[in-house]
PDB file of N, CA and C in Angstrom:
ATOM      1  N   MET A   1     100.137  80.970  54.819  1.00  0.00           N
ATOM      2  CA  MET A   1     100.769  82.358  55.484  1.00  0.00           C
ATOM      3  C   MET A   1      99.225  83.003  55.903  1.00  0.00           C
ATOM      4  N   LYS A   2      98.348  83.392  55.264  1.00  0.00           N
ATOM      5  CA  LYS A   2      97.502  84.008  55.313  1.00  0.00           C
ATOM      6  C   LYS A   2      96.356  83.860  56.605  1.00  0.00           C
ATOM      7  N   LYS A   3      96.219  82.044  56.968  1.00  0.00           N
ATOM      8  CA  LYS A   3      95.504  81.990  57.888  1.00  0.00           C
ATOM      9  C   LYS A   3      96.850  82.438  58.801  1.00  0.00           C
ATOM     10  N   LEU A   4      97.657  81.839  59.031  1.00  0.00           N
ATOM     11  CA  LEU A   4      98.934  82.246  60.196  1.00  0.00           C
ATOM     12  C   LEU A   4      98.743  83.586  60.430  1.00  0.00           C
ATOM     13  N   LEU A   5      99.101  84.728  59.883  1.00  0.00           N
ATOM     14  CA  LEU A   5      98.770  85.868  59.742  1.00  0.00           C
ATOM     15  C   LEU A   5      97.243  86.911  60.629  1.00  0.00           C
ATOM     16  N   LEU A   6      96.522  85.930  59.939  1.00  0.00           N
ATOM     17  CA  LEU A   6      94.780  85.857  61.041  1.00  0.00           C
ATOM     18  C   LEU A   6      94.799  86.065  62.102  1.00  0.00           C
ATOM     19  N   ILE A   7      95.491  84.606  62.421  1.00  0.00           N
ATOM     20  CA  ILE A   7      95.265  84.009  64.135  1.00  0.00           C
ATOM     21  C   ILE A   7      96.361  84.952  64.637  1.00  0.00           C
ATOM     22  N   ILE A   8      97.254  85.335  64.300  1.00  0.00           N
ATOM     23  CA  ILE A   8      98.448  86.161  64.956  1.00  0.00           C
ATOM     24  C   ILE A   8      97.889  87.528  65.130  1.00  0.00           C
ATOM     25  N   LEU A   9      97.295  88.259  64.307  1.00  0.00           N
ATOM     26  CA  LEU A   9      96.451  89.767  64.462  1.00  0.00           C
ATOM     27  C   LEU A   9      95.084  88.970  65.596  1.00  0.00           C
ATOM     28  N   LEU A  10      94.178  88.319  65.269  1.00  0.00           N
ATOM     29  CA  LEU A  10      93.608  87.452  66.628  1.00  0.00           C
ATOM     30  C   LEU A  10      94.058  88.016  67.896  1.00  0.00           C
ATOM     31  N   ILE A  11      94.882  86.859  68.044  1.00  0.00           N
ATOM     32  CA  ILE A  11      96.115  87.196  69.699  1.00  0.00           C
ATOM     33  C   ILE A  11      96.482  88.341  69.626  1.00  0.00           C
ATOM     34  N   LEU A  12      96.298  89.485  69.225  1.00  0.00           N
ATOM     35  CA  LEU A  12      96.951  90.808  69.216  1.00  0.00           C
ATOM     36  C   LEU A  12      95.834  91.245  70.326  1.00  0.00           C
ATOM     37  N   ILE A  13      94.799  91.078  69.074  1.00  0.00           N
ATOM     38  CA  ILE A  13      93.715  91.558  69.308  1.00  0.00           C
ATOM     39  C   ILE A  13      93.018  91.735  70.791  1.00  0.00           C
ATOM     40  N   VAL A  14      92.710  89.788  71.347  1.00  0.00           N
ATOM     41  CA  VAL A  14      92.854  89.958  72.311  1.00  0.00           C
ATOM     42  C   VAL A  14      93.334  90.033  73.761  1.00  0.00           C
ATOM     43  N   ALA A  15      94.863  90.238  73.338  1.00  0.00           N
ATOM     44  CA  ALA A  15      95.553  90.649  74.301  1.00  0.00           C
ATOM     45  C   ALA A  15      95.506  92.032  74.276  1.00  0.00           C
ATOM     46  N   ILE A  16      95.286  92.681  73.986  1.00  0.00           N
ATOM     47  CA  ILE A  16      95.121  94.723  74.094  1.00  0.00           C
ATOM     48  C   ILE A  16      93.682  94.574  74.312  1.00  0.00           C
ATOM     49  N   GLY A  17      93.210  94.330  73.808  1.00  0.00           N
ATOM     50  CA  GLY A  17      91.321  94.491  74.567  1.00  0.00           C
ATOM     51  C   GLY A  17      91.528  93.503  76.089  1.00  0.00           C
ATOM     52  N   PHE A  18      92.112  92.500  76.203  1.00  0.00           N
ATOM     53  CA  PHE A  18      92.423  91.967  77.819  1.00  0.00           C
ATOM     54  C   PHE A  18      93.429  93.170  78.875  1.00  0.00           C
ATOM     55  N   ILE A  19      94.310  94.119  77.969  1.00  0.00           N
ATOM     56  CA  ILE A  19      95.095  94.783  79.107  1.00  0.00           C
ATOM     57  C   ILE A  19      93.667  96.157  78.683  1.00  0.00           C
ATOM     58  N   GLY A  20      93.160  96.377  78.524  1.00  0.00           N
ATOM     59  CA  GLY A  20      92.423  97.195  78.090  1.00  0.00           C
ATOM     60  C   GLY A  20      90.815  97.481  79.241  1.00  0.00           C
ATOM     61  N   ILE A  21      90.576  96.036  78.998  1.00  0.00           N
ATOM     62  CA  ILE A  21      89.936  95.696  79.926  1.00  0.00           C
ATOM     63  C   ILE A  21      89.794  95.961  81.463  1.00  0.00           C
ATOM     64  N   ARG A  22      90.986  95.303  81.707  1.00  0.00           N
ATOM     65  CA  ARG A  22      91.580  95.160  83.101  1.00  0.00           C
ATOM     66  C   ARG A  22      92.506  96.000  83.796  1.00  0.00           C
ATOM     67  N   PHE A  23      92.989  97.108  82.229  1.00  0.00           N
ATOM     68  CA  PHE A  23      93.441  98.265  83.389  1.00  0.00           C
ATOM     69  C   PHE A  23      92.756  99.628  83.056  1.00  0.00           C
ATOM     70  N   GLY A  24      91.843  99.320  81.828  1.00  0.00           N
ATOM     71  CA  GLY A  24      91.432 100.465  81.493  1.00  0.00           C
ATOM     72  C   GLY A  24      91.653 101.637  82.311  1.00  0.00           C
ATOM     73  N   SER A  25      91.070 103.143  83.030  1.00  0.00           N
ATOM     74  CA  SER A  25      90.769 104.335  83.241  1.00  0.00           C
ATOM     75  C   SER A  25      92.953 104.011  83.599  1.00  0.00           C
ATOM     76  N   VAL A  26      93.522 103.341  84.253  1.00  0.00           N
ATOM     77  CA  VAL A  26      94.689 103.815  84.625  1.00  0.00           C
ATOM     78  C   VAL A  26      95.843 103.829  83.900  1.00  0.00           C
ATOM     79  N   LEU A  27      95.655 103.430  82.925  1.00  0.00           N
ATOM     80  CA  LEU A  27      96.757 104.015  81.828  1.00  0.00           C
ATOM     81  C   LEU A  27      97.054 104.430  81.265  1.00  0.00           C
ATOM     82  N   PHE A  28      96.795 105.802  81.543  1.00  0.00           N
ATOM     83  CA  PHE A  28      97.249 106.960  81.666  1.00  0.00           C
ATOM     84  C   PHE A  28      97.767 107.722  82.973  1.00  0.00           C
ATOM     85  N   GLN A  29      97.455 107.512  84.069  1.00  0.00           N
ATOM     86  CA  GLN A  29      97.113 107.615  85.373  1.00  0.00           C
ATOM     87  C   GLN A  29      99.022 108.241  85.677  1.00  0.00           C
ATOM     88  N   GLU A  30      99.488 107.608  85.085  1.00  0.00           N
ATOM     89  CA  GLU A  30     101.217 107.636  85.511  1.00  0.00           C
ATOM     90  C   GLU A  30     101.690 107.579  84.413  1.00  0.00           C
ATOM     91  N   GLU A  31     103.384 108.613  84.679  1.00  0.00           N
ATOM     92  CA  GLU A  31     103.895 108.435  83.565  1.00  0.00           C
ATOM     93  C   GLU A  31     104.461 107.413  83.063  1.00  0.00           C
ATOM     94  N   ASN A  32     104.875 106.290  83.466  1.00  0.00           N
ATOM     95  CA  ASN A  32     105.697 104.945  83.205  1.00  0.00           C
ATOM     96  C   ASN A  32     104.693 104.002  83.254  1.00  0.00           C
ATOM     97  N   THR A  33     103.594 103.918  82.488  1.00  0.00           N
ATOM     98  CA  THR A  33     102.661 102.986  82.927  1.00  0.00           C
ATOM     99  C   THR A  33     102.780 101.378  82.194  1.00  0.00           C
ATOM    100  N   THR A  34     103.880 101.174  81.112  1.00  0.00           N
ATOM    101  CA  THR A  34     104.406 100.553  80.719  1.00  0.00           C
ATOM    102  C   THR A  34     105.073  99.478  81.381  1.00  0.00           C
ATOM    103  N   GLU A  35     105.678  99.794  82.544  1.00  0.00           N
ATOM    104  CA  GLU A  35     107.141  99.113  83.470  1.00  0.00           C
ATOM    105  C   GLU A  35     106.039  99.006  84.760  1.00  0.00           C
ATOM    106  N   ILE A  36     105.246  99.913  84.572  1.00  0.00           N
ATOM    107  CA  ILE A  36     104.180  99.132  85.978  1.00  0.00           C
ATOM    108  C   ILE A  36     103.552  98.144  85.439  1.00  0.00           C
ATOM    109  N   ILE A  37     102.952  97.339  84.032  1.00  0.00           N
ATOM    110  CA  ILE A  37     102.070  96.630  83.832  1.00  0.00           C
ATOM    111  C   ILE A  37     103.093  95.798  83.675  1.00  0.00           C
ATOM    112  N   ALA A  38     104.214  96.159  82.708  1.00  0.00           N
ATOM    113  CA  ALA A  38     105.055  94.863  82.578  1.00  0.00           C
ATOM    114  C   ALA A  38     105.478  94.214  84.414  1.00  0.00           C
ATOM    115  N   SER A  39     105.547  95.354  85.154  1.00  0.00           N
ATOM    116  CA  SER A  39     105.892  94.415  86.046  1.00  0.00           C
ATOM    117  C   SER A  39     104.537  94.061  87.081  1.00  0.00           C
ATOM    118  N   ILE A  40     103.803  94.185  86.973  1.00  0.00           N
ATOM    119  CA  ILE A  40     102.936  93.430  87.209  1.00  0.00           C
ATOM    120  C   ILE A  40     101.889  92.127  86.785  1.00  0.00           C
ATOM    121  N   THR A  41     103.074  92.183  85.076  1.00  0.00           N
ATOM    122  CA  THR A  41     102.801  91.171  83.807  1.00  0.00           C
ATOM    123  C   THR A  41     104.058  90.198  85.032  1.00  0.00           C
ATOM    124  N   LYS A  42     104.816  90.105  85.588  1.00  0.00           N
ATOM    125  CA  LYS A  42     106.189  89.554  85.798  1.00  0.00           C
ATOM    126  C   LYS A  42     105.413  89.640  87.680  1.00  0.00           C
ATOM    127  N   LEU A  43     104.615  90.656  88.052  1.00  0.00           N
ATOM    128  CA  LEU A  43     103.972  90.123  89.535  1.00  0.00           C
ATOM    129  C   LEU A  43     103.249  88.514  89.734  1.00  0.00           C
ATOM    130  N   GLU A  44     102.748  88.205  87.761  1.00  0.00           N
ATOM    131  CA  GLU A  44     101.211  87.319  88.620  1.00  0.00           C
ATOM    132  C   GLU A  44     101.750  85.975  87.702  1.00  0.00           C
ATOM    133  N   PHE A  45     103.241  85.662  87.058  1.00  0.00           N
ATOM    134  CA  PHE A  45     104.096  84.522  87.108  1.00  0.00           C
ATOM    135  C   PHE A  45     104.690  84.155  88.476  1.00  0.00           C
ATOM    136  N   THR A  46     104.796  84.903  89.307  1.00  0.00           N
ATOM    137  CA  THR A  46     105.599  84.811  90.337  1.00  0.00           C
ATOM    138  C   THR A  46     104.730  84.424  91.952  1.00  0.00           C
ATOM    139  N   THR A  47     105.367  84.162  92.323  1.00  0.00           N
ATOM    140  CA  THR A  47     104.948  83.885  93.909  1.00  0.00           C
ATOM    141  C   THR A  47     105.374  84.461  94.622  1.00  0.00           C
ATOM    142  N   ASN A  48     106.295  85.903  94.158  1.00  0.00           N
ATOM    143  CA  ASN A  48     106.831  86.901  95.088  1.00  0.00           C
ATOM    144  C   ASN A  48     105.990  87.880  95.659  1.00  0.00           C
ATOM    145  N   ASP A  49     105.727  88.408  96.582  1.00  0.00           N
ATOM    146  CA  ASP A  49     104.221  89.519  96.627  1.00  0.00           C
ATOM    147  C   ASP A  49     104.811  90.725  96.327  1.00  0.00           C
ATOM    148  N   TYR A  50     105.715  91.390  95.976  1.00  0.00           N
ATOM    149  CA  TYR A  50     106.187  92.299  95.322  1.00  0.00           C
ATOM    150  C   TYR A  50     107.318  92.313  94.378  1.00  0.00           C
ATOM    151  N   ILE A  51     107.256  92.714  93.257  1.00  0.00           N
ATOM    152  CA  ILE A  51     108.221  93.456  91.764  1.00  0.00           C
ATOM    153  C   ILE A  51     108.533  94.947  91.806  1.00  0.00           C
ATOM    154  N   LYS A  52     109.760  95.399  91.759  1.00  0.00           N
ATOM    155  CA  LYS A  52     110.325  96.778  91.182  1.00  0.00           C
ATOM    156  C   LYS A  52     110.443  96.777  90.189  1.00  0.00           C
ATOM    157  N   VAL A  53     109.213  98.031  89.951  1.00  0.00           N
ATOM    158  CA  VAL A  53     108.866  98.555  88.699  1.00  0.00           C
ATOM    159  C   VAL A  53     110.055  99.180  88.484  1.00  0.00           C
ATOM    160  N   THR A  54     110.658 101.093  89.284  1.00  0.00           N
ATOM    161  CA  THR A  54     111.121 101.765  88.995  1.00  0.00           C
ATOM    162  C   THR A  54     112.144 102.592  89.978  1.00  0.00           C
ATOM    163  N   GLU A  55     113.363 102.734  89.797  1.00  0.00           N
ATOM    164  CA  GLU A  55     114.088 102.910  90.640  1.00  0.00           C
ATOM    165  C   GLU A  55     114.857 104.483  90.217  1.00  0.00           C
ATOM    166  N   THR A  56     114.425 105.120  91.457  1.00  0.00           N
ATOM    167  CA  THR A  56     115.677 106.754  90.720  1.00  0.00           C
ATOM    168  C   THR A  56     116.885 107.217  91.805  1.00  0.00           C
ATOM    169  N   SER A  57     117.632 108.552  92.254  1.00  0.00           N
ATOM    170  CA  SER A  57     118.528 108.625  92.813  1.00  0.00           C
ATOM    171  C   SER A  57     118.030 108.726  94.641  1.00  0.00           C
ATOM    172  N   GLN A  58     116.654 108.948  94.464  1.00  0.00           N
ATOM    173  CA  GLN A  58     115.965 108.995  95.879  1.00  0.00           C
ATOM    174  C   GLN A  58     114.916 107.577  96.392  1.00  0.00           C
ATOM    175  N   ARG A  59     114.608 106.956  95.677  1.00  0.00           N
ATOM    176  CA  ARG A  59     113.146 105.457  95.806  1.00  0.00           C
ATOM    177  C   ARG A  59     113.542 105.323  94.598  1.00  0.00           C
ATOM    178  N   ILE A  60     112.834 103.761  95.888  1.00  0.00           N
ATOM    179  CA  ILE A  60     112.519 102.452  94.614  1.00  0.00           C
ATOM    180  C   ILE A  60     110.905 102.206  94.646  1.00  0.00           C
ATOM    181  N   ARG A  61     110.300 101.978  93.548  1.00  0.00           N
ATOM    182  CA  ARG A  61     108.972 102.311  93.456  1.00  0.00           C
ATOM    183  C   ARG A  61     108.741 100.541  93.119  1.00  0.00           C
ATOM    184  N   TYR A  62     107.865  99.744  94.052  1.00  0.00           N
ATOM    185  CA  TYR A  62     107.581  99.159  93.824  1.00  0.00           C
ATOM    186  C   TYR A  62     105.830  98.517  93.430  1.00  0.00           C
ATOM    187  N   VAL A  63     105.440  97.286  93.198  1.00  0.00           N
ATOM    188  CA  VAL A  63     104.246  97.046  93.114  1.00  0.00           C
ATOM    189  C   VAL A  63     104.043  95.327  93.678  1.00  0.00           C
ATOM    190  N   SER A  64     102.391  95.684  93.822  1.00  0.00           N
ATOM    191  CA  SER A  64     102.332  94.154  95.429  1.00  0.00           C
ATOM    192  C   SER A  64     100.650  94.527  94.633  1.00  0.00           C
ATOM    193  N   LYS A  65     100.312  92.724  94.696  1.00  0.00           N
ATOM    194  CA  LYS A  65      98.648  92.917  95.152  1.00  0.00           C
ATOM    195  C   LYS A  65      98.409  93.805  95.726  1.00  0.00           C
ATOM    196  N   ASN A  66      96.611  93.445  95.391  1.00  0.00           N
ATOM    197  CA  ASN A  66      95.809  94.434  96.701  1.00  0.00           C
ATOM    198  C   ASN A  66      94.874  93.300  97.316  1.00  0.00           C
ATOM    199  N   LYS A  67      95.497  91.907  98.168  1.00  0.00           N
ATOM    200  CA  LYS A  67      94.670  91.465  99.104  1.00  0.00           C
ATOM    201  C   LYS A  67      94.457  91.608 100.357  1.00  0.00           C
ATOM    202  N   ASN A  68      92.951  91.872 100.983  1.00  0.00           N
ATOM    203  CA  ASN A  68      92.763  91.789 101.944  1.00  0.00           C
ATOM    204  C   ASN A  68      93.802  92.461 103.135  1.00  0.00           C
ATOM    205  N   GLY A  69      94.218  93.373 103.510  1.00  0.00           N
ATOM    206  CA  GLY A  69      94.925  93.935 104.019  1.00  0.00           C
ATOM    207  C   GLY A  69      96.366  93.524 103.750  1.00  0.00           C
ATOM    208  N   SER A  70      96.903  93.224 102.439  1.00  0.00           N
ATOM    209  CA  SER A  70      97.818  92.871 102.134  1.00  0.00           C
ATOM    210  C   SER A  70      98.935  94.124 102.432  1.00  0.00           C
ATOM    211  N   GLN A  71      98.809  95.065 101.781  1.00  0.00           N
ATOM    212  CA  GLN A  71      99.062  96.551 101.103  1.00  0.00           C
ATOM    213  C   GLN A  71     100.044  96.557 102.587  1.00  0.00           C
ATOM    214  N   GLU A  72      99.427  96.621 104.221  1.00  0.00           N
ATOM    215  CA  GLU A  72     100.562  96.655 105.152  1.00  0.00           C
ATOM    216  C   GLU A  72     100.975  95.861 105.538  1.00  0.00           C
ATOM    217  N   LYS A  73     101.084  94.596 105.399  1.00  0.00           N
ATOM    218  CA  LYS A  73     101.678  92.892 105.725  1.00  0.00           C
ATOM    219  C   LYS A  73     103.271  93.130 105.023  1.00  0.00           C
ATOM    220  N   VAL A  74     102.830  93.448 103.523  1.00  0.00           N
ATOM    221  CA  VAL A  74     103.670  93.436 102.424  1.00  0.00           C
ATOM    222  C   VAL A  74     105.340  94.388 102.902  1.00  0.00           C
ATOM    223  N   ILE A  75     103.988  95.704 103.056  1.00  0.00           N
ATOM    224  CA  ILE A  75     105.120  96.963 103.379  1.00  0.00           C
ATOM    225  C   ILE A  75     106.636  96.594 104.445  1.00  0.00           C
ATOM    226  N   ASN A  76     105.306  96.305 105.796  1.00  0.00           N
ATOM    227  CA  ASN A  76     105.710  95.717 107.095  1.00  0.00           C
ATOM    228  C   ASN A  76     107.105  94.752 106.727  1.00  0.00           C
ATOM    229  N   GLU A  77     106.962  93.442 106.181  1.00  0.00           N
ATOM    230  CA  GLU A  77     107.528  92.059 106.186  1.00  0.00           C
ATOM    231  C   GLU A  77     109.309  92.874 105.467  1.00  0.00           C
ATOM    232  N   PHE A  78     108.894  93.648 104.562  1.00  0.00           N
ATOM    233  CA  PHE A  78     110.051  94.281 103.629  1.00  0.00           C
ATOM    234  C   PHE A  78     110.999  95.046 104.353  1.00  0.00           C
ATOM    235  N   MET A  79     110.510  95.783 104.988  1.00  0.00           N
ATOM    236  CA  MET A  79     110.615  97.099 105.978  1.00  0.00           C
ATOM    237  C   MET A  79     111.205  96.055 107.225  1.00  0.00           C
ATOM    238  N   GLN A  80     111.146  94.903 107.514  1.00  0.00           N
ATOM    239  CA  GLN A  80     111.778  94.502 109.071  1.00  0.00           C
ATOM    240  C   GLN A  80     112.523  93.107 108.290  1.00  0.00           C
ATOM    241  N   GLU A  81     112.975  92.640 107.112  1.00  0.00           N
ATOM    242  CA  GLU A  81     113.587  92.460 106.820  1.00  0.00           C
ATOM    243  C   GLU A  81     115.237  92.814 105.950  1.00  0.00           C
ATOM    244  N   ASN A  82     115.074  94.684 106.432  1.00  0.00           N
ATOM    245  CA  ASN A  82     116.108  95.258 106.069  1.00  0.00           C
ATOM    246  C   ASN A  82     116.242  96.469 106.749  1.00  0.00           C
ATOM    247  N   GLY A  83     115.647  95.817 108.770  1.00  0.00           N
ATOM    248  CA  GLY A  83     115.690  96.244 110.041  1.00  0.00           C
ATOM    249  C   GLY A  83     115.332  96.888 110.622  1.00  0.00           C
ATOM    250  N   TRP A  84     113.962  97.526 109.737  1.00  0.00           N
ATOM    251  CA  TRP A  84     113.196  98.590 110.453  1.00  0.00           C
ATOM    252  C   TRP A  84     112.597  98.528 110.873  1.00  0.00           C
ATOM    253  N   GLN A  85     111.626  98.885 111.945  1.00  0.00           N
ATOM    254  CA  GLN A  85     110.393  98.717 112.947  1.00  0.00           C
ATOM    255  C   GLN A  85     109.312 100.143 112.661  1.00  0.00           C
ATOM    256  N   PHE A  86     107.913  99.097 112.327  1.00  0.00           N
ATOM    257  CA  PHE A  86     106.341  99.863 112.062  1.00  0.00           C
ATOM    258  C   PHE A  86     106.446 101.027 113.547  1.00  0.00           C
ATOM    259  N   LYS A  87     105.895 102.378 113.266  1.00  0.00           N
ATOM    260  CA  LYS A  87     105.846 102.847 114.348  1.00  0.00           C
ATOM    261  C   LYS A  87     104.405 103.340 114.323  1.00  0.00           C
ATOM    262  N   ASP A  88     104.160 103.678 112.902  1.00  0.00           N
ATOM    263  CA  ASP A  88     102.708 104.442 113.090  1.00  0.00           C
ATOM    264  C   ASP A  88     102.236 104.704 111.025  1.00  0.00           C
ATOM    265  N   GLN A  89     101.401 104.956 110.964  1.00  0.00           N
ATOM    266  CA  GLN A  89     100.821 105.091 110.230  1.00  0.00           C
ATOM    267  C   GLN A  89     100.264 106.310 109.772  1.00  0.00           C
ATOM    268  N   ALA A  90     100.620 107.404 108.732  1.00  0.00           N
ATOM    269  CA  ALA A  90      99.775 108.299 108.784  1.00  0.00           C
ATOM    270  C   ALA A  90      99.225 108.314 107.385  1.00  0.00           C
ATOM    271  N   GLY A  91      98.112 108.192 106.752  1.00  0.00           N
ATOM    272  CA  GLY A  91      97.145 108.248 106.090  1.00  0.00           C
ATOM    273  C   GLY A  91      97.646 106.660 104.798  1.00  0.00           C
ATOM    274  N   SER A  92      98.412 107.875 103.428  1.00  0.00           N
ATOM    275  CA  SER A  92      99.527 106.775 102.948  1.00  0.00           C
ATOM    276  C   SER A  92     100.863 106.621 103.234  1.00  0.00           C
ATOM    277  N   GLY A  93     100.907 107.022 104.680  1.00  0.00           N
ATOM    278  CA  GLY A  93     102.333 106.875 104.509  1.00  0.00           C
ATOM    279  C   GLY A  93     102.179 106.090 105.798  1.00  0.00           C
ATOM    280  N   TYR A  94     103.287 104.824 105.595  1.00  0.00           N
ATOM    281  CA  TYR A  94     104.005 104.489 106.566  1.00  0.00           C
ATOM    282  C   TYR A  94     105.403 104.470 107.438  1.00  0.00           C
ATOM    283  N   ILE A  95     105.263 105.164 108.363  1.00  0.00           N
ATOM    284  CA  ILE A  95     106.131 105.417 109.395  1.00  0.00           C
ATOM    285  C   ILE A  95     107.522 104.309 110.035  1.00  0.00           C
ATOM    286  N   PHE A  96     108.719 104.258 109.643  1.00  0.00           N
ATOM    287  CA  PHE A  96     109.237 103.231 110.218  1.00  0.00           C
ATOM    288  C   PHE A  96     110.312 103.702 110.395  1.00  0.00           C
ATOM    289  N   GLU A  97     111.049 103.003 112.094  1.00  0.00           N
ATOM    290  CA  GLU A  97     112.348 103.764 112.686  1.00  0.00           C
ATOM    291  C   GLU A  97     113.237 102.698 112.382  1.00  0.00           C
ATOM    292  N   LYS A  98     114.560 103.161 112.410  1.00  0.00           N
ATOM    293  CA  LYS A  98     115.879 101.702 112.858  1.00  0.00           C
ATOM    294  C   LYS A  98     117.032 103.577 113.185  1.00  0.00           C
ATOM    295  N   ASP A  99     117.226 102.747 114.698  1.00  0.00           N
ATOM    296  CA  ASP A  99     118.518 103.337 115.348  1.00  0.00           C
ATOM    297  C   ASP A  99     117.252 105.005 115.488  1.00  0.00           C
ATOM    298  N   ASP A 100     118.182 105.776 115.205  1.00  0.00           N
ATOM    299  CA  ASP A 100     117.869 106.827 114.975  1.00  0.00           C
ATOM    300  C   ASP A 100     117.317 107.819 114.515  1.00  0.00           C
ATOM    301  N   GLU A 101     116.951 106.979 113.217  1.00  0.00           N
ATOM    302  CA  GLU A 101     116.214 107.782 111.540  1.00  0.00           C
ATOM    303  C   GLU A 101     114.892 107.330 111.406  1.00  0.00           C
ATOM    304  N   THR A 102     114.163 108.096 111.075  1.00  0.00           N
ATOM    305  CA  THR A 102     112.880 107.882 110.389  1.00  0.00           C
ATOM    306  C   THR A 102     112.588 107.847 109.031  1.00  0.00           C
ATOM    307  N   ILE A 103     111.938 107.055 108.707  1.00  0.00           N
ATOM    308  CA  ILE A 103     111.930 107.508 107.012  1.00  0.00           C
ATOM    309  C   ILE A 103     109.688 106.505 106.629  1.00  0.00           C
ATOM    310  N   VAL A 104     109.663 107.584 105.652  1.00  0.00           N
ATOM    311  CA  VAL A 104     108.260 106.969 105.229  1.00  0.00           C
ATOM    312  C   VAL A 104     108.086 106.318 104.047  1.00  0.00           C
ATOM    313  N   VAL A 105     107.417 105.196 103.911  1.00  0.00           N
ATOM    314  CA  VAL A 105     107.406 104.617 102.982  1.00  0.00           C
ATOM    315  C   VAL A 105     105.572 104.783 102.510  1.00  0.00           C
ATOM    316  N   GLU A 106     105.457 105.134 100.990  1.00  0.00           N
ATOM    317  CA  GLU A 106     104.420 105.629 100.625  1.00  0.00           C
ATOM    318  C   GLU A 106     103.991 104.446  99.844  1.00  0.00           C
ATOM    319  N   ALA A 107     102.868 104.821  99.753  1.00  0.00           N
ATOM    320  CA  ALA A 107     102.146 103.141  99.030  1.00  0.00           C
ATOM    321  C   ALA A 107     100.298 103.932  98.564  1.00  0.00           C
ATOM    322  N   ARG A 108      99.609 103.747  97.264  1.00  0.00           N
ATOM    323  CA  ARG A 108      98.706 103.891  97.495  1.00  0.00           C
ATOM    324  C   ARG A 108      98.413 102.690  95.585  1.00  0.00           C
ATOM    325  N   LEU A 109      97.126 102.460  95.936  1.00  0.00           N
ATOM    326  CA  LEU A 109      96.240 102.147  95.037  1.00  0.00           C
ATOM    327  C   LEU A 109      96.484 102.591  93.468  1.00  0.00           C
ATOM    328  N   PHE A 110      96.657 101.728  92.619  1.00  0.00           N
ATOM    329  CA  PHE A 110      96.916 101.761  91.356  1.00  0.00           C
ATOM    330  C   PHE A 110      95.766 101.571  90.791  1.00  0.00           C
ATOM    331  N   THR A 111      95.354 100.161  90.985  1.00  0.00           N
ATOM    332  CA  THR A 111      94.038  99.812  90.127  1.00  0.00           C
ATOM    333  C   THR A 111      93.459  98.905  91.434  1.00  0.00           C
ATOM    334  N   LYS A 112      92.459  98.316  91.346  1.00  0.00           N
ATOM    335  CA  LYS A 112      91.701  97.834  92.717  1.00  0.00           C
ATOM    336  C   LYS A 112      92.251  96.726  92.698  1.00  0.00           C
ATOM    337  N   ASN A 113      93.170  96.151  92.291  1.00  0.00           N
ATOM    338  CA  ASN A 113      93.873  94.711  91.787  1.00  0.00           C
ATOM    339  C   ASN A 113      95.411  94.868  92.776  1.00  0.00           C
ATOM    340  N   TYR A 114      96.049  96.235  93.176  1.00  0.00           N
ATOM    341  CA  TYR A 114      97.406  96.518  92.896  1.00  0.00           C
ATOM    342  C   TYR A 114      97.393  98.033  93.167  1.00  0.00           C
ATOM    343  N   PHE A 115      98.809  97.749  94.081  1.00  0.00           N
ATOM    344  CA  PHE A 115      98.897  99.185  95.092  1.00  0.00           C
ATOM    345  C   PHE A 115     100.435  98.942  94.869  1.00  0.00           C
ATOM    346  N   LEU A 116     100.750 100.585  94.412  1.00  0.00           N
ATOM    347  CA  LEU A 116     102.522 101.050  94.403  1.00  0.00           C
ATOM    348  C   LEU A 116     102.889 101.263  95.337  1.00  0.00           C
ATOM    349  N   TRP A 117     103.709 101.244  95.678  1.00  0.00           N
ATOM    350  CA  TRP A 117     104.761 101.738  97.222  1.00  0.00           C
ATOM    351  C   TRP A 117     106.543 102.175  96.946  1.00  0.00           C
ATOM    352  N   SER A 118     106.647 103.367  97.508  1.00  0.00           N
ATOM    353  CA  SER A 118     107.805 103.576  97.290  1.00  0.00           C
ATOM    354  C   SER A 118     108.508 103.721  98.673  1.00  0.00           C
ATOM    355  N   VAL A 119     110.346 103.114  98.216  1.00  0.00           N
ATOM    356  CA  VAL A 119     110.732 103.334  99.851  1.00  0.00           C
ATOM    357  C   VAL A 119     112.152 104.110  99.335  1.00  0.00           C
ATOM    358  N   PRO A 120     112.019 104.940  99.870  1.00  0.00           N
ATOM    359  CA  PRO A 120     113.416 105.594 100.190  1.00  0.00           C
ATOM    360  C   PRO A 120     114.753 104.903  99.969  1.00  0.00           C
ATOM    361  N   ARG A 121     115.619 105.546  99.804  1.00  0.00           N
ATOM    362  CA  ARG A 121     117.393 105.319  99.736  1.00  0.00           C
ATOM    363  C   ARG A 121     117.796 104.675 100.619  1.00  0.00           C
ATOM    364  N   GLU A 122     117.728 105.227 101.873  1.00  0.00           N
ATOM    365  CA  GLU A 122     118.186 105.250 102.931  1.00  0.00           C
ATOM    366  C   GLU A 122     118.288 104.164 103.635  1.00  0.00           C
ATOM    367  N   VAL A 123     116.817 102.990 103.060  1.00  0.00           N
ATOM    368  CA  VAL A 123     116.510 102.115 103.878  1.00  0.00           C
ATOM    369  C   VAL A 123     117.070 100.876 103.391  1.00  0.00           C
ATOM    370  N   PHE A 124     118.640 100.960 102.953  1.00  0.00           N
ATOM    371  CA  PHE A 124     119.283 100.067 102.565  1.00  0.00           C
ATOM    372  C   PHE A 124     121.036 100.899 102.655  1.00  0.00           C
ATOM    373  N   HIS A 125     120.492 101.596 103.486  1.00  0.00           N
ATOM    374  CA  HIS A 125     122.465 102.305 103.854  1.00  0.00           C
ATOM    375  C   HIS A 125     122.218 101.105 105.400  1.00  0.00           C
TER     376      HIS A 125
END
């Protein structure tokens, strides 16, 4: 019994150490870091380009892997699937148009390996 408890404790310590090393200083930069890390974990075990992190009455936030230029590609493909056309980029905002409507998708790095992006709910109407 003691041996099993010791093994479980060691696994827990290694897991916490891995999370600390992997995410380090970003653990406290967001108010819902646990949701983001849980979404990143899901993302690592799927072939999806993005995973939904949170949803509010105004925006839906996603997380994606940050690979050579993937930020723009992932966001553009997502928006095109929903009928929006890319028009311009202003800093960390991607501007899209559909009919006479214009929206901005905001993106920013969470870590060097992942980025968060927020989509206004109007995209789905």
